Amino acid sequence: MTGAVVVLRPGGLLPAAAVPLARAANACYVTSAVDGATASALDAPVAPEDVVAQAESRAVVVFAASADDPAMGVLRRAGFAVVAEPGVGLLDAVAVMDRLRSPGGCPWDAEQTHETLRQYLVEECFELLEAIEDGDRAALREELGDVLLQVLFHARIAAEDPEDPFTVDDVAAELVVKLVNRHPHVFAGGDPAVRDASSQELRWEELKQAEKRRESSVDGVAMGQPALALAAKLAQRTARAGLPGELLPRHENPGARLFELAALAKLAGGDPESDLRAVARAFAADVRAAEAAARAAGVDPATMDHAAWTRFWPHTTKSAAHGDHPN
């Protein structure tokens, strides 16, 4: 398939990425939804019924009026590559979410609230984190979509609130304002306080503090995050505020010792949450490897004692193979 469908920008303009594609095409058409003036300017007739068949043997470009053009679905299913300005696909996602939540849509989706969706938001974020840790590109793409679904779902529910409604466009607009205001070195002609990534991080916190009118250096820290990450974040925030290190919790109990380790790791430039997760994941992999080795040797993992676990433990096996036996 050498066909492509180009979603026109408002006013019938071509996305920049589509210009060389259109120039190299053997044939260019418009969908029936494209107005006559735009079709004339593009010098493209309405796509014939055999446009999909044509694309099997030559380069064909079809210009669509918008992401909602009725012909988009047919061309996509036929294997046409979609060329559009970044973000056009988000409109489709918003439309699907609206359909699911509207009368005649999905009964389960219609019953959900911000509260009932909380567990899914947490789960999807952790699944995305796992995909990143695994370096799994396919899973990364899927899990990003699942996290996006949560954003769209919550925004759609918020739009139905009778007292304080807001839409996904309000969410996006507020994000744009935030990003622009916190990047004056990019959008406001420069910021002498920003010289590199490190100074930008400090500047971001300063701008956030002023913007939100926070009274404490720990205001805005998500107290519901995992404990190790929370300890690290609190240590980072208070260090920036000049809090003496000796005032951090120390050696009073196991929790205080964990806090101290997390704080020291974070202040040294590490990420204790990720570090501990990496160790935990490696440990889980070793457990599975030992169990698999036991099964291969005809031993039921459920019956293994201390000696058997040691015998099949991956690191023990590796050391024994090199003549290094454990004590």
C-alpha atoms as a PDB file:
ATOM      1  CA  MET A   1       0.000   0.000   0.000  1.00  0.00           C
ATOM      2  CA  THR A   2       1.465   3.350  -1.094  1.00  0.00           C
ATOM      3  CA  GLY A   3      -1.547   5.499  -0.251  1.00  0.00           C
ATOM      4  CA  ALA A   4      -1.611   8.364   2.217  1.00  0.00           C
ATOM      5  CA  VAL A   5      -4.446  10.483   3.557  1.00  0.00           C
ATOM      6  CA  VAL A   6      -3.500  14.049   4.467  1.00  0.00           C
ATOM      7  CA  VAL A   7      -5.615  15.898   7.022  1.00  0.00           C
ATOM      8  CA  LEU A   8      -5.774  19.516   5.908  1.00  0.00           C
ATOM      9  CA  ARG A   9      -5.182  22.322   8.383  1.00  0.00           C
ATOM     10  CA  PRO A  10      -7.891  24.965   8.919  1.00  0.00           C
ATOM     11  CA  GLY A  11      -8.346  26.993   5.752  1.00  0.00           C
ATOM     12  CA  GLY A  12      -7.389  24.050   3.566  1.00  0.00           C
ATOM     13  CA  LEU A  13      -3.656  24.410   4.219  1.00  0.00           C
ATOM     14  CA  LEU A  14      -1.261  21.492   3.895  1.00  0.00           C
ATOM     15  CA  PRO A  15       0.702  20.258   6.922  1.00  0.00           C
ATOM     16  CA  ALA A  16       4.411  20.847   6.275  1.00  0.00           C
ATOM     17  CA  ALA A  17       5.149  17.107   6.324  1.00  0.00           C
ATOM     18  CA  ALA A  18       2.675  16.550   3.476  1.00  0.00           C
ATOM     19  CA  VAL A  19       4.257  18.899   0.940  1.00  0.00           C
ATOM     20  CA  PRO A  20       7.027  16.574  -0.341  1.00  0.00           C
ATOM     21  CA  LEU A  21       4.592  13.667  -0.214  1.00  0.00           C
ATOM     22  CA  ALA A  22       2.101  15.488  -2.440  1.00  0.00           C
ATOM     23  CA  ARG A  23       4.803  16.537  -4.888  1.00  0.00           C
ATOM     24  CA  ALA A  24       6.029  12.962  -5.301  1.00  0.00           C
ATOM     25  CA  ALA A  25       2.559  11.398  -5.648  1.00  0.00           C
ATOM     26  CA  ASN A  26       1.365   9.853  -8.887  1.00  0.00           C
ATOM     27  CA  ALA A  27      -2.152  11.070  -8.168  1.00  0.00           C
ATOM     28  CA  CYS A  28      -3.740  13.491  -5.701  1.00  0.00           C
ATOM     29  CA  TYR A  29      -7.426  13.554  -4.780  1.00  0.00           C
ATOM     30  CA  VAL A  30      -9.745  15.168  -2.242  1.00  0.00           C
ATOM     31  CA  THR A  31     -12.574  13.582  -0.290  1.00  0.00           C
ATOM     32  CA  SER A  32     -16.116  14.691  -0.986  1.00  0.00           C
ATOM     33  CA  ALA A  33     -16.073  16.659   2.281  1.00  0.00           C
ATOM     34  CA  VAL A  34     -13.420  19.086   0.966  1.00  0.00           C
ATOM     35  CA  ASP A  35     -15.007  22.286  -0.355  1.00  0.00           C
ATOM     36  CA  GLY A  36     -14.734  23.178  -4.021  1.00  0.00           C
ATOM     37  CA  ALA A  37     -12.446  26.182  -3.532  1.00  0.00           C
ATOM     38  CA  THR A  38      -9.912  24.127  -1.594  1.00  0.00           C
ATOM     39  CA  ALA A  39     -10.093  21.291  -4.120  1.00  0.00           C
ATOM     40  CA  SER A  40      -9.465  23.778  -6.924  1.00  0.00           C
ATOM     41  CA  ALA A  41      -6.504  25.333  -5.107  1.00  0.00           C
ATOM     42  CA  LEU A  42      -5.033  21.881  -4.605  1.00  0.00           C
ATOM     43  CA  ASP A  43      -5.793  21.000  -8.219  1.00  0.00           C
ATOM     44  CA  ALA A  44      -7.229  17.683  -7.034  1.00  0.00           C
ATOM     45  CA  PRO A  45     -10.483  15.974  -8.137  1.00  0.00           C
ATOM     46  CA  VAL A  46     -12.722  14.010  -5.790  1.00  0.00           C
ATOM     47  CA  ALA A  47     -11.305  10.557  -5.097  1.00  0.00           C
ATOM     48  CA  PRO A  48     -12.832   7.863  -7.352  1.00  0.00           C
ATOM     49  CA  GLU A  49     -14.288   4.634  -5.999  1.00  0.00           C
ATOM     50  CA  ASP A  50     -11.184   2.685  -6.989  1.00  0.00           C
ATOM     51  CA  VAL A  51      -8.777   4.948  -5.072  1.00  0.00           C
ATOM     52  CA  VAL A  52      -7.819   2.120  -2.697  1.00  0.00           C
ATOM     53  CA  ALA A  53      -7.048  -0.182  -5.610  1.00  0.00           C
ATOM     54  CA  GLN A  54      -4.947   2.542  -7.244  1.00  0.00           C
ATOM     55  CA  ALA A  55      -2.854   2.850  -4.094  1.00  0.00           C
ATOM     56  CA  GLU A  56      -1.842  -0.791  -4.394  1.00  0.00           C
ATOM     57  CA  SER A  57       0.405  -0.017  -7.345  1.00  0.00           C
ATOM     58  CA  ARG A  58       1.261   3.684  -7.230  1.00  0.00           C
ATOM     59  CA  ALA A  59       1.668   6.608  -4.847  1.00  0.00           C
ATOM     60  CA  VAL A  60      -1.724   8.133  -4.124  1.00  0.00           C
ATOM     61  CA  VAL A  61      -2.503  11.035  -1.790  1.00  0.00           C
ATOM     62  CA  VAL A  62      -6.022  11.874  -0.636  1.00  0.00           C
ATOM     63  CA  PHE A  63      -6.680  15.192   1.083  1.00  0.00           C
ATOM     64  CA  ALA A  64      -9.272  15.029   3.891  1.00  0.00           C
ATOM     65  CA  ALA A  65     -11.203  18.022   5.179  1.00  0.00           C
ATOM     66  CA  SER A  66     -10.489  17.296   8.858  1.00  0.00           C
ATOM     67  CA  ALA A  67      -9.860  14.523  11.349  1.00  0.00           C
ATOM     68  CA  ASP A  68     -13.645  14.005  11.405  1.00  0.00           C
ATOM     69  CA  ASP A  69     -13.881  13.583   7.628  1.00  0.00           C
ATOM     70  CA  PRO A  70     -16.195  10.562   7.022  1.00  0.00           C
ATOM     71  CA  ALA A  71     -13.688   9.114   4.537  1.00  0.00           C
ATOM     72  CA  MET A  72     -10.917   8.905   7.159  1.00  0.00           C
ATOM     73  CA  GLY A  73     -12.139   5.646   8.641  1.00  0.00           C
ATOM     74  CA  VAL A  74     -12.362   3.883   5.288  1.00  0.00           C
ATOM     75  CA  LEU A  75      -8.915   5.010   4.178  1.00  0.00           C
ATOM     76  CA  ARG A  76      -7.321   4.095   7.499  1.00  0.00           C
ATOM     77  CA  ARG A  77      -8.819   0.626   7.421  1.00  0.00           C
ATOM     78  CA  ALA A  78      -7.534   0.246   3.857  1.00  0.00           C
ATOM     79  CA  GLY A  79      -4.003   0.858   5.127  1.00  0.00           C
ATOM     80  CA  PHE A  80      -3.528   4.482   4.064  1.00  0.00           C
ATOM     81  CA  ALA A  81      -0.878   6.268   6.128  1.00  0.00           C
ATOM     82  CA  VAL A  82      -2.265   9.308   7.936  1.00  0.00           C
ATOM     83  CA  VAL A  83      -0.357  12.569   7.647  1.00  0.00           C
ATOM     84  CA  ALA A  84      -1.547  15.375   9.926  1.00  0.00           C
ATOM     85  CA  GLU A  85      -0.388  18.067  12.285  1.00  0.00           C
ATOM     86  CA  PRO A  86       0.614  16.578  15.668  1.00  0.00           C
ATOM     87  CA  GLY A  87      -2.397  16.198  17.929  1.00  0.00           C
ATOM     88  CA  VAL A  88      -5.037  15.507  15.320  1.00  0.00           C
ATOM     89  CA  GLY A  89      -5.407  11.950  16.624  1.00  0.00           C
ATOM     90  CA  LEU A  90      -6.310  13.367  20.027  1.00  0.00           C
ATOM     91  CA  LEU A  91      -9.528  14.704  18.536  1.00  0.00           C
ATOM     92  CA  ASP A  92     -10.515  11.159  17.594  1.00  0.00           C
ATOM     93  CA  ALA A  93      -9.750   9.987  21.128  1.00  0.00           C
ATOM     94  CA  VAL A  94     -11.897  12.763  22.609  1.00  0.00           C
ATOM     95  CA  ALA A  95     -14.747  11.889  20.235  1.00  0.00           C
ATOM     96  CA  VAL A  96     -14.593   8.208  21.185  1.00  0.00           C
ATOM     97  CA  MET A  97     -14.624   9.067  24.892  1.00  0.00           C
ATOM     98  CA  ASP A  98     -17.639  11.338  24.378  1.00  0.00           C
ATOM     99  CA  ARG A  99     -19.458   8.558  22.534  1.00  0.00           C
ATOM    100  CA  LEU A 100     -18.753   6.019  25.269  1.00  0.00           C
ATOM    101  CA  ARG A 101     -19.965   8.362  27.994  1.00  0.00           C
ATOM    102  CA  SER A 102     -23.056   9.670  26.160  1.00  0.00           C
ATOM    103  CA  PRO A 103     -26.548   8.124  26.128  1.00  0.00           C
ATOM    104  CA  GLY A 104     -26.484   4.971  24.040  1.00  0.00           C
ATOM    105  CA  GLY A 105     -22.803   4.456  24.789  1.00  0.00           C
ATOM    106  CA  CYS A 106     -21.196   2.072  27.277  1.00  0.00           C
ATOM    107  CA  PRO A 107     -23.226   1.422  30.482  1.00  0.00           C
ATOM    108  CA  TRP A 108     -20.074   0.795  32.543  1.00  0.00           C
ATOM    109  CA  ASP A 109     -18.399   4.000  31.343  1.00  0.00           C
ATOM    110  CA  ALA A 110     -21.562   5.962  32.086  1.00  0.00           C
ATOM    111  CA  GLU A 111     -21.530   4.852  35.740  1.00  0.00           C
ATOM    112  CA  GLN A 112     -17.950   5.845  36.527  1.00  0.00           C
ATOM    113  CA  THR A 113     -16.966   8.784  38.741  1.00  0.00           C
ATOM    114  CA  HIS A 114     -13.679  10.442  39.640  1.00  0.00           C
ATOM    115  CA  GLU A 115     -13.636   8.280  42.760  1.00  0.00           C
ATOM    116  CA  THR A 116     -14.294   4.930  41.063  1.00  0.00           C
ATOM    117  CA  LEU A 117     -11.576   5.607  38.489  1.00  0.00           C
ATOM    118  CA  ARG A 118      -8.840   6.336  41.038  1.00  0.00           C
ATOM    119  CA  GLN A 119      -7.607   2.744  41.200  1.00  0.00           C
ATOM    120  CA  TYR A 120      -7.282   2.542  37.413  1.00  0.00           C
ATOM    121  CA  LEU A 121      -5.261   5.754  37.230  1.00  0.00           C
ATOM    122  CA  VAL A 122      -2.762   4.375  39.737  1.00  0.00           C
ATOM    123  CA  GLU A 123      -2.611   0.987  38.005  1.00  0.00           C
ATOM    124  CA  GLU A 124      -2.097   2.484  34.542  1.00  0.00           C
ATOM    125  CA  CYS A 125       0.706   4.740  35.790  1.00  0.00           C
ATOM    126  CA  PHE A 126       2.531   1.779  37.304  1.00  0.00           C
ATOM    127  CA  GLU A 127       2.057  -0.247  34.113  1.00  0.00           C
ATOM    128  CA  LEU A 128       3.539   2.646  32.137  1.00  0.00           C
ATOM    129  CA  LEU A 129       6.459   2.772  34.549  1.00  0.00           C
ATOM    130  CA  GLU A 130       7.020  -0.955  34.051  1.00  0.00           C
ATOM    131  CA  ALA A 131       7.017  -0.549  30.252  1.00  0.00           C
ATOM    132  CA  ILE A 132       9.678   2.171  30.578  1.00  0.00           C
ATOM    133  CA  GLU A 133      11.804   0.004  32.859  1.00  0.00           C
ATOM    134  CA  ASP A 134      11.492  -2.944  30.479  1.00  0.00           C
ATOM    135  CA  GLY A 135      12.396  -0.824  27.457  1.00  0.00           C
ATOM    136  CA  ASP A 136       9.334  -2.284  25.712  1.00  0.00           C
ATOM    137  CA  ARG A 137       8.394   0.200  22.976  1.00  0.00           C
ATOM    138  CA  ALA A 138       5.121  -1.506  22.032  1.00  0.00           C
ATOM    139  CA  ALA A 139       4.021  -1.636  25.671  1.00  0.00           C
ATOM    140  CA  LEU A 140       5.144   1.966  26.158  1.00  0.00           C
ATOM    141  CA  ARG A 141       2.892   3.126  23.315  1.00  0.00           C
ATOM    142  CA  GLU A 142      -0.049   1.122  24.671  1.00  0.00           C
ATOM    143  CA  GLU A 143       0.367   2.222  28.276  1.00  0.00           C
ATOM    144  CA  LEU A 144       0.710   5.878  27.298  1.00  0.00           C
ATOM    145  CA  GLY A 145      -2.661   5.463  25.606  1.00  0.00           C
ATOM    146  CA  ASP A 146      -4.128   3.941  28.749  1.00  0.00           C
ATOM    147  CA  VAL A 147      -2.889   6.872  30.841  1.00  0.00           C
ATOM    148  CA  LEU A 148      -4.292   9.269  28.227  1.00  0.00           C
ATOM    149  CA  LEU A 149      -7.629   7.465  28.512  1.00  0.00           C
ATOM    150  CA  GLN A 150      -7.702   8.282  32.212  1.00  0.00           C
ATOM    151  CA  VAL A 151      -7.134  11.980  31.453  1.00  0.00           C
ATOM    152  CA  LEU A 152      -9.896  11.994  28.830  1.00  0.00           C
ATOM    153  CA  PHE A 153     -12.251  10.044  31.121  1.00  0.00           C
ATOM    154  CA  HIS A 154     -11.808  12.391  34.075  1.00  0.00           C
ATOM    155  CA  ALA A 155     -12.145  15.472  31.856  1.00  0.00           C
ATOM    156  CA  ARG A 156     -15.353  14.098  30.320  1.00  0.00           C
ATOM    157  CA  ILE A 157     -16.816  13.442  33.775  1.00  0.00           C
ATOM    158  CA  ALA A 158     -15.785  16.927  34.890  1.00  0.00           C
ATOM    159  CA  ALA A 159     -17.649  18.446  31.931  1.00  0.00           C
ATOM    160  CA  GLU A 160     -20.886  16.983  33.323  1.00  0.00           C
ATOM    161  CA  ASP A 161     -20.535  18.600  36.754  1.00  0.00           C
ATOM    162  CA  PRO A 162     -23.552  20.902  37.216  1.00  0.00           C
ATOM    163  CA  GLU A 163     -21.805  23.240  39.641  1.00  0.00           C
ATOM    164  CA  ASP A 164     -18.242  23.593  38.335  1.00  0.00           C
ATOM    165  CA  PRO A 165     -17.884  22.049  34.873  1.00  0.00           C
ATOM    166  CA  PHE A 166     -14.713  22.127  32.798  1.00  0.00           C
ATOM    167  CA  THR A 167     -13.742  20.354  29.585  1.00  0.00           C
ATOM    168  CA  VAL A 168     -10.684  18.642  28.173  1.00  0.00           C
ATOM    169  CA  ASP A 169     -10.004  21.878  26.261  1.00  0.00           C
ATOM    170  CA  ASP A 170      -9.905  23.757  29.575  1.00  0.00           C
ATOM    171  CA  VAL A 171      -7.418  21.195  30.867  1.00  0.00           C
ATOM    172  CA  ALA A 172      -5.228  21.619  27.774  1.00  0.00           C
ATOM    173  CA  ALA A 173      -5.465  25.427  27.874  1.00  0.00           C
ATOM    174  CA  GLU A 174      -4.389  25.526  31.520  1.00  0.00           C
ATOM    175  CA  LEU A 175      -1.458  23.257  30.711  1.00  0.00           C
ATOM    176  CA  VAL A 176      -0.366  25.539  27.869  1.00  0.00           C
ATOM    177  CA  VAL A 177      -0.454  28.595  30.134  1.00  0.00           C
ATOM    178  CA  LYS A 178       1.561  26.759  32.779  1.00  0.00           C
ATOM    179  CA  LEU A 179       4.221  25.554  30.328  1.00  0.00           C
ATOM    180  CA  VAL A 180       4.608  28.994  28.742  1.00  0.00           C
ATOM    181  CA  ASN A 181       4.785  30.816  32.080  1.00  0.00           C
ATOM    182  CA  ARG A 182       7.360  28.392  33.488  1.00  0.00           C
ATOM    183  CA  HIS A 183       9.602  28.569  30.413  1.00  0.00           C
ATOM    184  CA  PRO A 184      10.285  32.300  30.036  1.00  0.00           C
ATOM    185  CA  HIS A 185      13.710  31.434  28.582  1.00  0.00           C
ATOM    186  CA  VAL A 186      11.851  29.840  25.656  1.00  0.00           C
ATOM    187  CA  PHE A 187       8.676  31.906  25.226  1.00  0.00           C
ATOM    188  CA  ALA A 188       9.544  35.325  26.681  1.00  0.00           C
ATOM    189  CA  GLY A 189      12.792  36.166  24.949  1.00  0.00           C
ATOM    190  CA  GLY A 190      15.161  34.739  27.533  1.00  0.00           C
ATOM    191  CA  ASP A 191      15.722  34.325  31.266  1.00  0.00           C
ATOM    192  CA  PRO A 192      19.193  35.048  32.695  1.00  0.00           C
ATOM    193  CA  ALA A 193      18.476  32.664  35.593  1.00  0.00           C
ATOM    194  CA  VAL A 194      18.395  29.699  33.196  1.00  0.00           C
ATOM    195  CA  ARG A 195      21.791  28.538  31.943  1.00  0.00           C
ATOM    196  CA  ASP A 196      21.395  24.759  31.790  1.00  0.00           C
ATOM    197  CA  ALA A 197      19.048  21.932  32.780  1.00  0.00           C
ATOM    198  CA  SER A 198      20.016  22.179  36.459  1.00  0.00           C
ATOM    199  CA  SER A 199      19.334  25.912  36.715  1.00  0.00           C
ATOM    200  CA  GLN A 200      16.093  25.415  34.780  1.00  0.00           C
ATOM    201  CA  GLU A 201      14.913  22.910  37.396  1.00  0.00           C
ATOM    202  CA  LEU A 202      15.579  25.425  40.166  1.00  0.00           C
ATOM    203  CA  ARG A 203      13.877  28.185  38.182  1.00  0.00           C
ATOM    204  CA  TRP A 204      10.842  25.954  37.616  1.00  0.00           C
ATOM    205  CA  GLU A 205      10.432  25.486  41.368  1.00  0.00           C
ATOM    206  CA  GLU A 206      10.827  29.226  41.992  1.00  0.00           C
ATOM    207  CA  LEU A 207       8.198  30.098  39.395  1.00  0.00           C
ATOM    208  CA  LYS A 208       5.871  27.392  40.725  1.00  0.00           C
ATOM    209  CA  GLN A 209       6.270  28.696  44.289  1.00  0.00           C
ATOM    210  CA  ALA A 210       5.391  32.228  43.217  1.00  0.00           C
ATOM    211  CA  GLU A 211       2.598  31.129  40.911  1.00  0.00           C
ATOM    212  CA  LYS A 212       0.827  29.017  43.533  1.00  0.00           C
ATOM    213  CA  ARG A 213       1.622  31.404  46.410  1.00  0.00           C
ATOM    214  CA  ARG A 214       2.831  28.560  48.568  1.00  0.00           C
ATOM    215  CA  GLU A 215       3.645  29.255  52.188  1.00  0.00           C
ATOM    216  CA  SER A 216       5.796  26.184  52.830  1.00  0.00           C
ATOM    217  CA  SER A 217       8.661  24.580  50.943  1.00  0.00           C
ATOM    218  CA  VAL A 218       6.784  21.264  51.172  1.00  0.00           C
ATOM    219  CA  ASP A 219       3.449  22.581  49.894  1.00  0.00           C
ATOM    220  CA  GLY A 220       2.468  20.748  46.728  1.00  0.00           C
ATOM    221  CA  VAL A 221       4.365  17.536  47.548  1.00  0.00           C
ATOM    222  CA  ALA A 222       2.025  14.633  46.835  1.00  0.00           C
ATOM    223  CA  MET A 223       1.729  12.928  50.220  1.00  0.00           C
ATOM    224  CA  GLY A 224      -0.014   9.939  48.643  1.00  0.00           C
ATOM    225  CA  GLN A 225       2.983   8.824  46.585  1.00  0.00           C
ATOM    226  CA  PRO A 226       5.031   5.738  47.558  1.00  0.00           C
ATOM    227  CA  ALA A 227       6.832   6.291  50.863  1.00  0.00           C
ATOM    228  CA  LEU A 228      10.374   6.055  49.497  1.00  0.00           C
ATOM    229  CA  ALA A 229       9.652   8.560  46.735  1.00  0.00           C
ATOM    230  CA  LEU A 230       7.883  10.807  49.254  1.00  0.00           C
ATOM    231  CA  ALA A 231      10.890  10.816  51.591  1.00  0.00           C
ATOM    232  CA  ALA A 232      13.213  11.631  48.689  1.00  0.00           C
ATOM    233  CA  LYS A 233      10.985  14.464  47.479  1.00  0.00           C
ATOM    234  CA  LEU A 234      10.693  15.992  50.943  1.00  0.00           C
ATOM    235  CA  ALA A 235      14.472  15.851  51.369  1.00  0.00           C
ATOM    236  CA  GLN A 236      14.995  17.506  47.989  1.00  0.00           C
ATOM    237  CA  ARG A 237      12.472  20.275  48.647  1.00  0.00           C
ATOM    238  CA  THR A 238      13.747  21.079  52.128  1.00  0.00           C
ATOM    239  CA  ALA A 239      17.379  21.039  51.002  1.00  0.00           C
ATOM    240  CA  ARG A 240      16.535  23.684  48.408  1.00  0.00           C
ATOM    241  CA  ALA A 241      14.968  25.712  51.214  1.00  0.00           C
ATOM    242  CA  GLY A 242      18.220  25.520  53.208  1.00  0.00           C
ATOM    243  CA  LEU A 243      17.061  23.072  55.869  1.00  0.00           C
ATOM    244  CA  PRO A 244      20.134  21.692  57.723  1.00  0.00           C
ATOM    245  CA  GLY A 245      20.726  18.029  56.971  1.00  0.00           C
ATOM    246  CA  GLU A 246      20.935  17.154  60.657  1.00  0.00           C
ATOM    247  CA  LEU A 247      17.233  17.983  61.039  1.00  0.00           C
ATOM    248  CA  LEU A 248      16.214  15.089  58.797  1.00  0.00           C
ATOM    249  CA  PRO A 249      14.803  12.011  60.616  1.00  0.00           C
ATOM    250  CA  ARG A 250      17.665   9.770  61.755  1.00  0.00           C
ATOM    251  CA  HIS A 251      18.059   6.321  63.344  1.00  0.00           C
ATOM    252  CA  GLU A 252      15.053   6.529  65.643  1.00  0.00           C
ATOM    253  CA  ASN A 253      13.317   3.483  64.182  1.00  0.00           C
ATOM    254  CA  PRO A 254      13.325   1.469  60.945  1.00  0.00           C
ATOM    255  CA  GLY A 255      11.163   4.123  59.237  1.00  0.00           C
ATOM    256  CA  ALA A 256      13.608   6.884  60.154  1.00  0.00           C
ATOM    257  CA  ARG A 257      16.522   4.833  58.854  1.00  0.00           C
ATOM    258  CA  LEU A 258      14.706   4.258  55.565  1.00  0.00           C
ATOM    259  CA  PHE A 259      13.956   7.988  55.351  1.00  0.00           C
ATOM    260  CA  GLU A 260      17.605   8.821  55.905  1.00  0.00           C
ATOM    261  CA  LEU A 261      18.764   6.392  53.208  1.00  0.00           C
ATOM    262  CA  ALA A 262      16.231   7.801  50.742  1.00  0.00           C
ATOM    263  CA  ALA A 263      17.225  11.377  51.574  1.00  0.00           C
ATOM    264  CA  LEU A 264      20.954  10.706  51.215  1.00  0.00           C
ATOM    265  CA  ALA A 265      20.424   8.944  47.878  1.00  0.00           C
ATOM    266  CA  LYS A 266      18.281  11.770  46.500  1.00  0.00           C
ATOM    267  CA  LEU A 267      20.614  14.529  47.671  1.00  0.00           C
ATOM    268  CA  ALA A 268      23.492  12.644  46.039  1.00  0.00           C
ATOM    269  CA  GLY A 269      21.682  12.876  42.720  1.00  0.00           C
ATOM    270  CA  GLY A 270      20.090   9.425  42.689  1.00  0.00           C
ATOM    271  CA  ASP A 271      16.502   8.247  42.510  1.00  0.00           C
ATOM    272  CA  PRO A 272      15.942   5.895  45.459  1.00  0.00           C
ATOM    273  CA  GLU A 273      12.477   4.828  44.292  1.00  0.00           C
ATOM    274  CA  SER A 274      13.817   3.711  40.916  1.00  0.00           C
ATOM    275  CA  ASP A 275      16.934   2.216  42.487  1.00  0.00           C
ATOM    276  CA  LEU A 276      14.917   0.115  44.904  1.00  0.00           C
ATOM    277  CA  ARG A 277      12.491  -0.929  42.160  1.00  0.00           C
ATOM    278  CA  ALA A 278      15.445  -2.074  40.035  1.00  0.00           C
ATOM    279  CA  VAL A 279      16.779  -4.202  42.898  1.00  0.00           C
ATOM    280  CA  ALA A 280      13.302  -5.617  43.589  1.00  0.00           C
ATOM    281  CA  ARG A 281      12.759  -6.464  39.920  1.00  0.00           C
ATOM    282  CA  ALA A 282      16.169  -8.141  39.711  1.00  0.00           C
ATOM    283  CA  PHE A 283      15.361 -10.138  42.841  1.00  0.00           C
ATOM    284  CA  ALA A 284      12.022 -11.261  41.373  1.00  0.00           C
ATOM    285  CA  ALA A 285      13.833 -12.324  38.188  1.00  0.00           C
ATOM    286  CA  ASP A 286      16.300 -14.356  40.266  1.00  0.00           C
ATOM    287  CA  VAL A 287      13.437 -16.068  42.111  1.00  0.00           C
ATOM    288  CA  ARG A 288      11.818 -17.042  38.810  1.00  0.00           C
ATOM    289  CA  ALA A 289      15.146 -18.249  37.444  1.00  0.00           C
ATOM    290  CA  ALA A 290      15.781 -20.425  40.502  1.00  0.00           C
ATOM    291  CA  GLU A 291      12.291 -21.901  40.292  1.00  0.00           C
ATOM    292  CA  ALA A 292      12.731 -22.602  36.576  1.00  0.00           C
ATOM    293  CA  ALA A 293      16.113 -24.261  37.228  1.00  0.00           C
ATOM    294  CA  ALA A 294      14.533 -26.400  39.928  1.00  0.00           C
ATOM    295  CA  ARG A 295      11.738 -27.537  37.629  1.00  0.00           C
ATOM    296  CA  ALA A 296      14.297 -28.361  34.924  1.00  0.00           C
ATOM    297  CA  ALA A 297      16.070 -30.575  37.474  1.00  0.00           C
ATOM    298  CA  GLY A 298      12.803 -32.300  38.412  1.00  0.00           C
ATOM    299  CA  VAL A 299      12.377 -30.467  41.715  1.00  0.00           C
ATOM    300  CA  ASP A 300       9.058 -28.890  42.691  1.00  0.00           C
ATOM    301  CA  PRO A 301       9.797 -25.274  43.761  1.00  0.00           C
ATOM    302  CA  ALA A 302       7.056 -25.492  46.365  1.00  0.00           C
ATOM    303  CA  THR A 303       9.058 -28.148  48.232  1.00  0.00           C
ATOM    304  CA  MET A 304      12.453 -26.391  48.205  1.00  0.00           C
ATOM    305  CA  ASP A 305      14.239 -25.831  51.503  1.00  0.00           C
ATOM    306  CA  HIS A 306      17.153 -23.515  52.290  1.00  0.00           C
ATOM    307  CA  ALA A 307      19.719 -25.823  50.671  1.00  0.00           C
ATOM    308  CA  ALA A 308      17.661 -26.245  47.498  1.00  0.00           C
ATOM    309  CA  TRP A 309      17.096 -22.495  47.075  1.00  0.00           C
ATOM    310  CA  THR A 310      20.822 -21.943  47.482  1.00  0.00           C
ATOM    311  CA  ARG A 311      21.608 -24.699  45.005  1.00  0.00           C
ATOM    312  CA  PHE A 312      19.413 -23.262  42.253  1.00  0.00           C
ATOM    313  CA  TRP A 313      19.943 -19.560  42.985  1.00  0.00           C
ATOM    314  CA  PRO A 314      21.342 -17.909  39.794  1.00  0.00           C
ATOM    315  CA  HIS A 315      24.272 -16.145  41.451  1.00  0.00           C
ATOM    316  CA  THR A 316      25.217 -19.281  43.382  1.00  0.00           C
ATOM    317  CA  THR A 317      25.152 -21.264  40.153  1.00  0.00           C
ATOM    318  CA  LYS A 318      27.313 -18.701  38.372  1.00  0.00           C
ATOM    319  CA  SER A 319      29.818 -18.595  41.216  1.00  0.00           C
ATOM    320  CA  ALA A 320      30.008 -22.402  41.362  1.00  0.00           C
ATOM    321  CA  ALA A 321      30.615 -22.542  37.613  1.00  0.00           C
ATOM    322  CA  HIS A 322      33.684 -20.355  38.152  1.00  0.00           C
ATOM    323  CA  GLY A 323      34.929 -22.386  41.120  1.00  0.00           C
ATOM    324  CA  ASP A 324      33.734 -19.889  43.742  1.00  0.00           C
ATOM    325  CA  HIS A 325      31.644 -21.804  46.238  1.00  0.00           C
ATOM    326  CA  PRO A 326      29.632 -20.008  48.911  1.00  0.00           C
ATOM    327  CA  ASN A 327      30.620 -20.544  52.519  1.00  0.00           C
END
